[in-house]
Amino acid sequence: MKPRVLRGRPIPTPVRIREPIVTQRLVLRPYTAADLDDYAAMQGNDEVVRYMLWPLRTRKQSAKHLARRRRQTRLQHTGDFLGLAIELPGEPSLNPKSRSGRVIGDASLLLRSVGNRQVEIGWVLHPDFGGKGYATEASRAMLDIAIGRLGAHRVMAQLDARNTGSAAMAERLGMRREGLFREDLWFKGAWGDSLYYAILDEEWTASPLSSG
């Protein structure tokens, strides 16, 4: 007998990000070609990729990945991915010709299931800008997009179990630790453990961190 799959209400309204989202200190926006210098500085940094599934990227590889990121601005179908630049206004970009501030990180949403209204959230921050709450501030905005605009029922995060900083941040966002999966990933030449965090829509809506 085939297992029964329970499906919730579909995502009510597709989300496409065209205009910047302004938070207290940051701007979340689609990437542009002018962001390559800042983007390559993140993708080529050992601390940035230490707990990520991808390896260090060269400038050429970063340019190719950035071109893909620039197209990932819409959430509608299962598997859709949204990646936004975390810009710090007033901080000069590494590209002297850029008209924007420095891109210090990346915030993302993956629409894991339309039928079950499941979304995965992710974040990356350049270590030079760590410890100031920027990743938390950007992720709050992304949770507002996922739950307030997209209509997600559950937002989860998958972390390398050694990434204590991201685990602490997930808890600051009000996400609960739901499990530790032992050696579930072959990760950069060794087995790695994964932590899973999640928050439900009614929990985020009731949170003082939510804009709704």
N, C-alpha and C. Protein backbone atom coordinates (compact mmCIF):
# COMPACT_ATOMS: atom_id res chain seq x y z
N MET A 1 0.84 -1.19 0.00
CA MET A 1 0.00 0.00 0.00
C MET A 1 0.88 1.24 0.00
N LYS A 2 0.54 2.22 -0.83
CA LYS A 2 1.32 3.44 -0.87
C LYS A 2 1.07 4.25 0.40
N PRO A 3 2.11 4.88 0.95
CA PRO A 3 1.91 5.70 2.14
C PRO A 3 1.02 6.89 1.83
N ARG A 4 0.20 7.28 2.81
CA ARG A 4 -0.69 8.41 2.65
C ARG A 4 0.08 9.70 2.85
N VAL A 5 -0.08 10.61 1.92
CA VAL A 5 0.59 11.91 2.01
C VAL A 5 -0.46 12.96 2.32
N LEU A 6 -0.31 13.64 3.45
CA LEU A 6 -1.22 14.70 3.82
C LEU A 6 -0.75 16.01 3.21
N ARG A 7 -1.65 16.68 2.54
CA ARG A 7 -1.29 17.93 1.88
C ARG A 7 -2.14 19.07 2.42
N GLY A 8 -1.49 20.16 2.79
CA GLY A 8 -2.20 21.32 3.30
C GLY A 8 -2.67 22.22 2.18
N ARG A 9 -3.13 23.41 2.53
CA ARG A 9 -3.57 24.38 1.53
C ARG A 9 -2.38 24.83 0.68
N PRO A 10 -2.59 25.06 -0.60
CA PRO A 10 -1.48 25.51 -1.45
C PRO A 10 -1.02 26.91 -1.07
N ILE A 11 0.20 27.27 -1.50
CA ILE A 11 0.71 28.61 -1.27
C ILE A 11 -0.28 29.59 -1.91
N PRO A 12 -0.85 30.52 -1.15
CA PRO A 12 -1.92 31.36 -1.69
C PRO A 12 -1.47 32.32 -2.78
N THR A 13 -0.30 32.92 -2.62
CA THR A 13 0.16 33.94 -3.57
C THR A 13 1.64 33.77 -3.83
N PRO A 14 2.04 33.57 -5.10
CA PRO A 14 3.47 33.50 -5.39
C PRO A 14 4.17 34.78 -4.96
N VAL A 15 5.43 34.65 -4.58
CA VAL A 15 6.22 35.80 -4.14
C VAL A 15 7.34 36.03 -5.14
N ARG A 16 7.45 37.26 -5.59
CA ARG A 16 8.58 37.66 -6.43
C ARG A 16 9.15 38.95 -5.87
N ILE A 17 10.43 38.95 -5.59
CA ILE A 17 11.08 40.12 -5.00
C ILE A 17 11.70 40.95 -6.12
N ARG A 18 11.16 42.14 -6.31
CA ARG A 18 11.71 43.07 -7.31
C ARG A 18 12.33 44.30 -6.64
N GLU A 19 11.69 44.75 -5.55
CA GLU A 19 12.13 45.95 -4.88
C GLU A 19 12.90 45.61 -3.60
N PRO A 20 13.84 46.42 -3.20
CA PRO A 20 14.60 46.17 -1.97
C PRO A 20 13.69 46.14 -0.74
N ILE A 21 14.08 45.32 0.23
CA ILE A 21 13.41 45.24 1.53
C ILE A 21 14.33 45.92 2.54
N VAL A 22 13.86 46.96 3.14
CA VAL A 22 14.68 47.76 4.05
C VAL A 22 14.35 47.39 5.49
N THR A 23 15.36 46.98 6.25
CA THR A 23 15.20 46.70 7.68
C THR A 23 15.84 47.86 8.45
N GLN A 24 16.03 47.70 9.72
CA GLN A 24 16.56 48.79 10.54
C GLN A 24 17.94 49.24 10.06
N ARG A 25 18.80 48.28 9.72
CA ARG A 25 20.16 48.64 9.33
C ARG A 25 20.58 48.11 7.97
N LEU A 26 19.75 47.27 7.36
CA LEU A 26 20.15 46.54 6.17
C LEU A 26 19.20 46.77 5.02
N VAL A 27 19.65 46.34 3.84
CA VAL A 27 18.80 46.26 2.66
C VAL A 27 18.92 44.85 2.10
N LEU A 28 17.78 44.18 1.93
CA LEU A 28 17.75 42.87 1.29
C LEU A 28 17.20 43.07 -0.11
N ARG A 29 17.93 42.61 -1.11
CA ARG A 29 17.55 42.91 -2.49
C ARG A 29 18.07 41.85 -3.44
N PRO A 30 17.51 41.79 -4.65
CA PRO A 30 18.08 40.91 -5.67
C PRO A 30 19.51 41.33 -6.00
N TYR A 31 20.31 40.35 -6.37
CA TYR A 31 21.70 40.62 -6.75
C TYR A 31 21.78 41.34 -8.09
N THR A 32 22.87 42.06 -8.29
CA THR A 32 23.19 42.67 -9.58
C THR A 32 24.59 42.23 -10.00
N ALA A 33 24.93 42.48 -11.25
CA ALA A 33 26.26 42.13 -11.74
C ALA A 33 27.35 42.89 -10.99
N ALA A 34 27.02 44.08 -10.49
CA ALA A 34 28.00 44.90 -9.79
C ALA A 34 28.39 44.32 -8.43
N ASP A 35 27.69 43.27 -7.98
CA ASP A 35 27.97 42.67 -6.68
C ASP A 35 29.08 41.62 -6.72
N LEU A 36 29.67 41.38 -7.89
CA LEU A 36 30.61 40.27 -8.01
C LEU A 36 31.79 40.37 -7.05
N ASP A 37 32.38 41.53 -6.89
CA ASP A 37 33.55 41.65 -6.01
C ASP A 37 33.18 41.25 -4.58
N ASP A 38 32.05 41.75 -4.09
CA ASP A 38 31.61 41.42 -2.74
C ASP A 38 31.24 39.94 -2.63
N TYR A 39 30.58 39.43 -3.66
CA TYR A 39 30.13 38.04 -3.64
C TYR A 39 31.32 37.09 -3.66
N ALA A 40 32.30 37.39 -4.50
CA ALA A 40 33.49 36.54 -4.59
C ALA A 40 34.27 36.57 -3.28
N ALA A 41 34.25 37.70 -2.59
CA ALA A 41 34.94 37.80 -1.30
C ALA A 41 34.32 36.87 -0.26
N MET A 42 33.02 36.63 -0.36
CA MET A 42 32.36 35.68 0.54
C MET A 42 32.63 34.25 0.10
N GLN A 43 32.44 33.98 -1.18
CA GLN A 43 32.56 32.61 -1.68
C GLN A 43 33.99 32.08 -1.61
N GLY A 44 34.95 32.97 -1.53
CA GLY A 44 36.35 32.56 -1.44
C GLY A 44 36.92 32.63 -0.04
N ASN A 45 36.04 32.77 0.96
CA ASN A 45 36.48 32.89 2.35
C ASN A 45 36.30 31.56 3.09
N ASP A 46 37.37 31.07 3.71
CA ASP A 46 37.33 29.77 4.40
C ASP A 46 36.27 29.73 5.49
N GLU A 47 36.15 30.81 6.26
CA GLU A 47 35.20 30.82 7.36
C GLU A 47 33.76 30.79 6.86
N VAL A 48 33.50 31.41 5.72
CA VAL A 48 32.15 31.43 5.17
C VAL A 48 31.70 30.04 4.77
N VAL A 49 32.56 29.28 4.10
CA VAL A 49 32.15 27.99 3.53
C VAL A 49 32.44 26.81 4.44
N ARG A 50 33.01 27.05 5.61
CA ARG A 50 33.43 25.96 6.49
C ARG A 50 32.31 24.95 6.74
N TYR A 51 31.11 25.45 7.03
CA TYR A 51 29.99 24.56 7.35
C TYR A 51 28.97 24.47 6.23
N MET A 52 29.33 24.95 5.04
CA MET A 52 28.43 24.91 3.90
C MET A 52 28.74 23.70 3.02
N LEU A 53 27.76 23.29 2.22
CA LEU A 53 27.94 22.10 1.40
C LEU A 53 28.84 22.35 0.19
N TRP A 54 29.05 23.62 -0.16
CA TRP A 54 29.87 23.91 -1.33
C TRP A 54 31.31 24.21 -0.93
N PRO A 55 32.25 24.03 -1.84
CA PRO A 55 33.66 24.33 -1.55
C PRO A 55 33.96 25.79 -1.77
N LEU A 56 35.21 26.19 -1.48
CA LEU A 56 35.66 27.52 -1.85
C LEU A 56 35.50 27.71 -3.35
N ARG A 57 35.09 28.91 -3.74
CA ARG A 57 34.90 29.20 -5.15
C ARG A 57 35.89 30.25 -5.61
N THR A 58 36.41 30.07 -6.80
CA THR A 58 37.26 31.09 -7.42
C THR A 58 36.38 32.25 -7.89
N ARG A 59 37.01 33.32 -8.32
CA ARG A 59 36.23 34.46 -8.84
C ARG A 59 35.38 34.03 -10.04
N LYS A 60 35.96 33.21 -10.91
CA LYS A 60 35.22 32.74 -12.09
C LYS A 60 34.02 31.90 -11.66
N GLN A 61 34.23 31.01 -10.71
CA GLN A 61 33.13 30.18 -10.21
C GLN A 61 32.08 31.03 -9.49
N SER A 62 32.54 32.03 -8.76
CA SER A 62 31.61 32.93 -8.08
C SER A 62 30.76 33.70 -9.08
N ALA A 63 31.37 34.13 -10.19
CA ALA A 63 30.63 34.85 -11.22
C ALA A 63 29.54 33.98 -11.82
N LYS A 64 29.85 32.72 -12.05
CA LYS A 64 28.86 31.79 -12.60
C LYS A 64 27.72 31.57 -11.61
N HIS A 65 28.06 31.42 -10.33
CA HIS A 65 27.03 31.21 -9.32
C HIS A 65 26.20 32.48 -9.11
N LEU A 66 26.83 33.64 -9.18
CA LEU A 66 26.11 34.90 -9.04
C LEU A 66 25.10 35.07 -10.17
N ALA A 67 25.46 34.68 -11.37
CA ALA A 67 24.53 34.77 -12.50
C ALA A 67 23.28 33.94 -12.23
N ARG A 68 23.47 32.79 -11.59
CA ARG A 68 22.33 31.95 -11.23
C ARG A 68 21.51 32.61 -10.13
N ARG A 69 22.21 33.17 -9.13
CA ARG A 69 21.52 33.84 -8.02
C ARG A 69 20.63 34.98 -8.53
N ARG A 70 21.09 35.67 -9.53
CA ARG A 70 20.34 36.83 -10.04
C ARG A 70 19.00 36.41 -10.64
N ARG A 71 18.85 35.15 -11.01
CA ARG A 71 17.59 34.66 -11.56
C ARG A 71 16.67 34.09 -10.49
N GLN A 72 17.19 33.91 -9.29
CA GLN A 72 16.43 33.24 -8.23
C GLN A 72 15.72 34.27 -7.35
N THR A 73 14.63 34.81 -7.89
CA THR A 73 13.92 35.89 -7.20
C THR A 73 12.44 35.57 -7.01
N ARG A 74 12.00 34.36 -7.30
CA ARG A 74 10.57 34.03 -7.27
C ARG A 74 10.33 32.71 -6.54
N LEU A 75 9.28 32.68 -5.73
CA LEU A 75 8.83 31.46 -5.06
C LEU A 75 7.40 31.17 -5.49
N GLN A 76 7.22 30.04 -6.17
CA GLN A 76 5.87 29.65 -6.62
C GLN A 76 5.68 28.15 -6.60
N HIS A 77 6.69 27.42 -7.12
CA HIS A 77 6.58 25.97 -7.26
C HIS A 77 7.53 25.26 -6.29
N THR A 78 7.20 24.03 -5.97
CA THR A 78 8.09 23.23 -5.14
C THR A 78 9.48 23.18 -5.78
N GLY A 79 10.49 23.47 -4.97
CA GLY A 79 11.87 23.49 -5.46
C GLY A 79 12.37 24.87 -5.83
N ASP A 80 11.47 25.86 -5.89
CA ASP A 80 11.91 27.23 -6.19
C ASP A 80 12.80 27.75 -5.07
N PHE A 81 13.78 28.57 -5.45
CA PHE A 81 14.77 29.09 -4.51
C PHE A 81 14.84 30.60 -4.65
N LEU A 82 14.86 31.29 -3.52
CA LEU A 82 14.99 32.74 -3.50
C LEU A 82 16.27 33.11 -2.76
N GLY A 83 17.16 33.82 -3.44
CA GLY A 83 18.41 34.25 -2.81
C GLY A 83 18.55 35.75 -2.90
N LEU A 84 18.73 36.41 -1.76
CA LEU A 84 18.83 37.86 -1.73
C LEU A 84 20.16 38.30 -1.14
N ALA A 85 20.68 39.39 -1.67
CA ALA A 85 21.89 40.00 -1.12
C ALA A 85 21.55 40.73 0.17
N ILE A 86 22.41 40.58 1.18
CA ILE A 86 22.30 41.37 2.40
C ILE A 86 23.28 42.53 2.26
N GLU A 87 22.74 43.70 2.03
CA GLU A 87 23.56 44.90 1.80
C GLU A 87 23.62 45.75 3.06
N LEU A 88 24.80 46.24 3.38
CA LEU A 88 24.99 47.16 4.50
C LEU A 88 25.21 48.56 3.93
N PRO A 89 24.17 49.39 3.92
CA PRO A 89 24.33 50.75 3.38
C PRO A 89 25.38 51.53 4.16
N GLY A 90 26.12 52.34 3.46
CA GLY A 90 27.14 53.14 4.11
C GLY A 90 28.50 52.45 4.18
N GLU A 91 28.51 51.13 4.02
CA GLU A 91 29.78 50.39 3.97
C GLU A 91 30.18 50.27 2.51
N PRO A 92 31.34 50.81 2.10
CA PRO A 92 31.70 50.82 0.69
C PRO A 92 31.83 49.41 0.12
N SER A 93 31.28 49.23 -1.06
CA SER A 93 31.45 47.97 -1.78
C SER A 93 32.90 47.79 -2.19
N LEU A 94 33.31 46.54 -2.36
CA LEU A 94 34.66 46.26 -2.88
C LEU A 94 34.77 46.64 -4.35
N ASN A 95 33.63 46.84 -5.00
CA ASN A 95 33.61 47.32 -6.38
C ASN A 95 33.49 48.84 -6.35
N PRO A 96 34.54 49.56 -6.70
CA PRO A 96 34.50 51.03 -6.60
C PRO A 96 33.46 51.67 -7.51
N LYS A 97 32.97 50.93 -8.51
CA LYS A 97 31.98 51.47 -9.44
C LYS A 97 30.55 51.18 -8.98
N SER A 98 30.41 50.41 -7.92
CA SER A 98 29.08 50.06 -7.44
C SER A 98 28.39 51.26 -6.81
N ARG A 99 27.10 51.36 -7.05
CA ARG A 99 26.31 52.44 -6.45
C ARG A 99 25.63 51.98 -5.16
N SER A 100 25.86 50.73 -4.78
CA SER A 100 25.24 50.17 -3.58
C SER A 100 26.27 50.06 -2.47
N GLY A 101 25.78 49.76 -1.28
CA GLY A 101 26.68 49.47 -0.17
C GLY A 101 27.27 48.08 -0.31
N ARG A 102 28.07 47.69 0.65
CA ARG A 102 28.76 46.40 0.64
C ARG A 102 27.76 45.26 0.83
N VAL A 103 27.86 44.23 0.00
CA VAL A 103 27.10 43.00 0.22
C VAL A 103 27.87 42.16 1.23
N ILE A 104 27.29 42.00 2.42
CA ILE A 104 27.98 41.32 3.52
C ILE A 104 27.46 39.92 3.77
N GLY A 105 26.41 39.52 3.05
CA GLY A 105 25.87 38.19 3.30
C GLY A 105 24.81 37.83 2.28
N ASP A 106 24.25 36.65 2.49
CA ASP A 106 23.25 36.08 1.59
C ASP A 106 22.14 35.49 2.43
N ALA A 107 20.88 35.79 2.09
CA ALA A 107 19.72 35.24 2.78
C ALA A 107 18.88 34.49 1.77
N SER A 108 18.36 33.32 2.15
CA SER A 108 17.68 32.49 1.16
C SER A 108 16.47 31.78 1.73
N LEU A 109 15.55 31.43 0.81
CA LEU A 109 14.39 30.61 1.11
C LEU A 109 14.27 29.55 0.02
N LEU A 110 14.04 28.31 0.42
CA LEU A 110 13.79 27.21 -0.51
C LEU A 110 12.37 26.71 -0.27
N LEU A 111 11.55 26.73 -1.30
CA LEU A 111 10.17 26.24 -1.18
C LEU A 111 10.20 24.72 -1.32
N ARG A 112 10.23 24.06 -0.18
CA ARG A 112 10.38 22.60 -0.18
C ARG A 112 9.12 21.86 -0.61
N SER A 113 7.96 22.39 -0.27
CA SER A 113 6.71 21.73 -0.64
C SER A 113 5.59 22.75 -0.68
N VAL A 114 4.99 22.91 -1.86
CA VAL A 114 3.83 23.78 -1.98
C VAL A 114 2.64 23.18 -1.24
N GLY A 115 2.38 21.89 -1.49
CA GLY A 115 1.22 21.25 -0.90
C GLY A 115 1.24 21.24 0.61
N ASN A 116 2.42 21.06 1.19
CA ASN A 116 2.55 21.02 2.65
C ASN A 116 3.01 22.34 3.25
N ARG A 117 3.17 23.36 2.41
CA ARG A 117 3.54 24.71 2.84
C ARG A 117 4.79 24.70 3.71
N GLN A 118 5.82 24.04 3.20
CA GLN A 118 7.08 23.89 3.91
C GLN A 118 8.17 24.70 3.21
N VAL A 119 8.91 25.49 3.99
CA VAL A 119 9.98 26.33 3.46
C VAL A 119 11.23 26.14 4.30
N GLU A 120 12.39 26.15 3.64
CA GLU A 120 13.66 26.10 4.35
C GLU A 120 14.33 27.46 4.25
N ILE A 121 14.87 27.94 5.37
CA ILE A 121 15.56 29.23 5.41
C ILE A 121 17.06 29.00 5.54
N GLY A 122 17.83 29.90 4.94
CA GLY A 122 19.29 29.81 5.05
C GLY A 122 19.91 31.19 5.13
N TRP A 123 21.13 31.25 5.65
CA TRP A 123 21.82 32.53 5.78
C TRP A 123 23.32 32.31 5.73
N VAL A 124 24.02 33.28 5.19
CA VAL A 124 25.48 33.30 5.14
C VAL A 124 25.92 34.73 5.41
N LEU A 125 26.94 34.91 6.24
CA LEU A 125 27.43 36.25 6.54
C LEU A 125 28.95 36.26 6.49
N HIS A 126 29.52 37.31 5.89
CA HIS A 126 30.97 37.45 5.88
C HIS A 126 31.45 37.64 7.32
N PRO A 127 32.48 36.92 7.75
CA PRO A 127 32.91 36.98 9.16
C PRO A 127 33.36 38.36 9.62
N ASP A 128 33.77 39.23 8.71
CA ASP A 128 34.17 40.58 9.11
C ASP A 128 33.00 41.37 9.70
N PHE A 129 31.78 40.90 9.46
CA PHE A 129 30.60 41.62 9.92
C PHE A 129 29.79 40.80 10.92
N GLY A 130 30.41 39.78 11.49
CA GLY A 130 29.73 38.94 12.46
C GLY A 130 29.65 39.60 13.83
N GLY A 131 28.78 39.06 14.67
CA GLY A 131 28.67 39.53 16.04
C GLY A 131 27.90 40.82 16.22
N LYS A 132 27.25 41.31 15.18
CA LYS A 132 26.50 42.56 15.26
C LYS A 132 25.00 42.37 15.07
N GLY A 133 24.57 41.13 14.92
CA GLY A 133 23.14 40.85 14.77
C GLY A 133 22.62 41.02 13.36
N TYR A 134 23.51 41.18 12.37
CA TYR A 134 23.04 41.39 11.00
C TYR A 134 22.33 40.16 10.44
N ALA A 135 22.88 38.97 10.69
CA ALA A 135 22.26 37.75 10.16
C ALA A 135 20.88 37.55 10.77
N THR A 136 20.74 37.83 12.07
CA THR A 136 19.44 37.71 12.73
C THR A 136 18.45 38.70 12.13
N GLU A 137 18.89 39.93 11.92
CA GLU A 137 18.02 40.96 11.36
C GLU A 137 17.55 40.59 9.96
N ALA A 138 18.46 40.07 9.14
CA ALA A 138 18.09 39.67 7.78
C ALA A 138 17.14 38.47 7.81
N SER A 139 17.40 37.52 8.70
CA SER A 139 16.56 36.31 8.76
C SER A 139 15.16 36.62 9.27
N ARG A 140 15.03 37.62 10.14
CA ARG A 140 13.69 38.05 10.56
C ARG A 140 12.89 38.50 9.34
N ALA A 141 13.53 39.26 8.47
CA ALA A 141 12.84 39.73 7.27
C ALA A 141 12.47 38.56 6.36
N MET A 142 13.33 37.56 6.28
CA MET A 142 13.05 36.40 5.44
C MET A 142 11.91 35.57 6.01
N LEU A 143 11.83 35.46 7.33
CA LEU A 143 10.70 34.76 7.94
C LEU A 143 9.39 35.50 7.68
N ASP A 144 9.45 36.82 7.69
CA ASP A 144 8.26 37.60 7.35
C ASP A 144 7.82 37.32 5.91
N ILE A 145 8.79 37.18 5.00
CA ILE A 145 8.45 36.84 3.61
C ILE A 145 7.83 35.45 3.54
N ALA A 146 8.48 34.48 4.18
CA ALA A 146 8.05 33.09 4.09
C ALA A 146 6.65 32.90 4.66
N ILE A 147 6.40 33.48 5.82
CA ILE A 147 5.14 33.24 6.52
C ILE A 147 4.11 34.32 6.19
N GLY A 148 4.53 35.59 6.26
CA GLY A 148 3.58 36.68 6.05
C GLY A 148 3.16 36.86 4.61
N ARG A 149 4.08 36.66 3.66
CA ARG A 149 3.76 36.90 2.25
C ARG A 149 3.50 35.63 1.47
N LEU A 150 4.29 34.59 1.74
CA LEU A 150 4.14 33.35 0.99
C LEU A 150 3.07 32.45 1.57
N GLY A 151 2.84 32.57 2.88
CA GLY A 151 1.84 31.72 3.52
C GLY A 151 2.36 30.38 3.96
N ALA A 152 3.65 30.28 4.24
CA ALA A 152 4.22 29.01 4.70
C ALA A 152 3.65 28.64 6.07
N HIS A 153 3.46 27.35 6.28
CA HIS A 153 2.99 26.86 7.58
C HIS A 153 4.16 26.54 8.51
N ARG A 154 5.27 26.08 7.92
CA ARG A 154 6.41 25.66 8.71
C ARG A 154 7.69 26.07 7.99
N VAL A 155 8.59 26.71 8.72
CA VAL A 155 9.89 27.10 8.18
C VAL A 155 10.97 26.38 8.98
N MET A 156 11.86 25.69 8.28
CA MET A 156 12.90 24.93 8.95
C MET A 156 14.28 25.37 8.50
N ALA A 157 15.26 25.01 9.31
CA ALA A 157 16.66 25.28 8.98
C ALA A 157 17.48 24.03 9.27
N GLN A 158 18.35 23.68 8.35
CA GLN A 158 19.26 22.55 8.53
C GLN A 158 20.67 23.09 8.70
N LEU A 159 21.33 22.72 9.80
CA LEU A 159 22.64 23.26 10.14
C LEU A 159 23.64 22.15 10.38
N ASP A 160 24.90 22.42 10.06
CA ASP A 160 25.97 21.54 10.52
C ASP A 160 26.01 21.62 12.04
N ALA A 161 26.06 20.47 12.70
CA ALA A 161 25.99 20.44 14.16
C ALA A 161 27.14 21.17 14.83
N ARG A 162 28.24 21.39 14.11
CA ARG A 162 29.38 22.12 14.68
C ARG A 162 29.20 23.64 14.60
N ASN A 163 28.18 24.07 13.86
CA ASN A 163 27.97 25.50 13.63
C ASN A 163 27.16 26.08 14.79
N THR A 164 27.82 26.26 15.92
CA THR A 164 27.14 26.70 17.12
C THR A 164 26.59 28.11 16.99
N GLY A 165 27.25 28.95 16.19
CA GLY A 165 26.78 30.31 16.01
C GLY A 165 25.42 30.35 15.32
N SER A 166 25.26 29.56 14.25
CA SER A 166 23.99 29.52 13.55
C SER A 166 22.90 28.87 14.40
N ALA A 167 23.28 27.87 15.19
CA ALA A 167 22.30 27.23 16.08
C ALA A 167 21.78 28.24 17.10
N ALA A 168 22.67 29.04 17.67
CA ALA A 168 22.26 30.05 18.64
C ALA A 168 21.36 31.09 17.98
N MET A 169 21.67 31.43 16.72
CA MET A 169 20.85 32.41 16.02
C MET A 169 19.46 31.88 15.74
N ALA A 170 19.37 30.60 15.34
CA ALA A 170 18.06 29.98 15.11
C ALA A 170 17.21 30.05 16.37
N GLU A 171 17.84 29.82 17.52
CA GLU A 171 17.10 29.88 18.78
C GLU A 171 16.69 31.31 19.12
N ARG A 172 17.52 32.29 18.78
CA ARG A 172 17.14 33.69 18.99
C ARG A 172 15.93 34.07 18.15
N LEU A 173 15.78 33.43 17.00
CA LEU A 173 14.64 33.68 16.14
C LEU A 173 13.37 33.00 16.64
N GLY A 174 13.50 32.19 17.68
CA GLY A 174 12.35 31.48 18.22
C GLY A 174 12.14 30.11 17.61
N MET A 175 13.12 29.64 16.81
CA MET A 175 13.00 28.31 16.21
C MET A 175 13.37 27.27 17.26
N ARG A 176 12.68 26.15 17.24
CA ARG A 176 12.96 25.08 18.20
C ARG A 176 13.87 24.04 17.56
N ARG A 177 14.72 23.47 18.37
CA ARG A 177 15.54 22.36 17.89
C ARG A 177 14.67 21.11 17.84
N GLU A 178 14.56 20.53 16.64
CA GLU A 178 13.68 19.37 16.46
C GLU A 178 14.43 18.06 16.34
N GLY A 179 15.73 18.12 16.12
CA GLY A 179 16.43 16.86 16.02
C GLY A 179 17.89 17.00 15.67
N LEU A 180 18.64 15.97 16.01
CA LEU A 180 20.04 15.82 15.63
C LEU A 180 20.15 14.54 14.83
N PHE A 181 20.54 14.66 13.58
CA PHE A 181 20.73 13.49 12.71
C PHE A 181 22.22 13.17 12.69
N ARG A 182 22.57 12.01 13.20
CA ARG A 182 23.97 11.61 13.29
C ARG A 182 24.48 11.10 11.96
N GLU A 183 25.58 11.69 11.51
CA GLU A 183 26.29 11.25 10.31
C GLU A 183 25.34 11.00 9.14
N ASP A 184 24.50 12.00 8.87
CA ASP A 184 23.53 11.87 7.78
C ASP A 184 24.05 12.43 6.46
N LEU A 185 25.23 13.10 6.50
CA LEU A 185 25.79 13.67 5.29
C LEU A 185 27.27 13.33 5.17
N TRP A 186 27.67 12.95 3.95
CA TRP A 186 29.09 12.82 3.65
C TRP A 186 29.56 14.22 3.28
N PHE A 187 30.32 14.84 4.16
CA PHE A 187 30.56 16.27 4.10
C PHE A 187 32.05 16.56 4.03
N LYS A 188 32.53 16.97 2.86
CA LYS A 188 33.91 17.39 2.66
C LYS A 188 34.91 16.34 3.20
N GLY A 189 34.66 15.10 2.81
CA GLY A 189 35.58 14.02 3.12
C GLY A 189 35.34 13.29 4.42
N ALA A 190 34.25 13.62 5.11
CA ALA A 190 33.95 12.94 6.38
C ALA A 190 32.45 12.97 6.63
N TRP A 191 31.98 12.07 7.49
CA TRP A 191 30.57 12.08 7.85
C TRP A 191 30.29 13.25 8.79
N GLY A 192 29.17 13.93 8.54
CA GLY A 192 28.80 15.07 9.37
C GLY A 192 27.42 14.91 9.97
N ASP A 193 27.22 15.53 11.13
CA ASP A 193 25.92 15.52 11.81
C ASP A 193 25.14 16.78 11.42
N SER A 194 23.81 16.68 11.41
CA SER A 194 22.96 17.82 11.08
C SER A 194 22.00 18.13 12.22
N LEU A 195 21.82 19.41 12.49
CA LEU A 195 20.80 19.88 13.43
C LEU A 195 19.63 20.44 12.63
N TYR A 196 18.42 20.18 13.11
CA TYR A 196 17.22 20.69 12.46
C TYR A 196 16.45 21.58 13.43
N TYR A 197 16.14 22.78 12.95
CA TYR A 197 15.33 23.74 13.70
C TYR A 197 14.10 24.09 12.87
N ALA A 198 13.02 24.50 13.54
CA ALA A 198 11.81 24.89 12.81
C ALA A 198 10.94 25.80 13.65
N ILE A 199 10.06 26.52 12.95
CA ILE A 199 9.06 27.37 13.61
C ILE A 199 7.79 27.32 12.77
N LEU A 200 6.63 27.32 13.44
CA LEU A 200 5.34 27.29 12.75
C LEU A 200 4.83 28.71 12.54
N ASP A 201 3.89 28.83 11.61
CA ASP A 201 3.38 30.16 11.27
C ASP A 201 2.76 30.87 12.47
N GLU A 202 1.94 30.14 13.27
CA GLU A 202 1.31 30.81 14.40
C GLU A 202 2.32 31.21 15.47
N GLU A 203 3.42 30.46 15.56
CA GLU A 203 4.46 30.82 16.51
C GLU A 203 5.20 32.08 16.08
N TRP A 204 5.48 32.19 14.79
CA TRP A 204 6.18 33.38 14.31
C TRP A 204 5.26 34.61 14.38
N THR A 205 4.01 34.43 14.02
CA THR A 205 3.08 35.56 14.06
C THR A 205 2.93 36.12 15.48
N ALA A 206 2.99 35.24 16.48
CA ALA A 206 2.88 35.67 17.87
C ALA A 206 4.19 36.19 18.45
N SER A 207 5.27 36.03 17.73
CA SER A 207 6.58 36.43 18.23
C SER A 207 6.76 37.94 18.19
N PRO A 208 7.41 38.52 19.18
CA PRO A 208 7.69 39.96 19.14
C PRO A 208 8.68 40.33 18.03
N LEU A 209 9.37 39.34 17.46
CA LEU A 209 10.31 39.61 16.38
C LEU A 209 9.62 39.78 15.04
N SER A 210 8.38 39.29 14.94
CA SER A 210 7.66 39.35 13.68
C SER A 210 7.14 40.76 13.42
N SER A 211 7.19 41.17 12.15
CA SER A 211 6.66 42.49 11.81
C SER A 211 5.15 42.48 11.69
N GLY A 212 4.59 41.24 11.65
CA GLY A 212 3.14 41.13 11.54
C GLY A 212 2.47 41.05 12.88
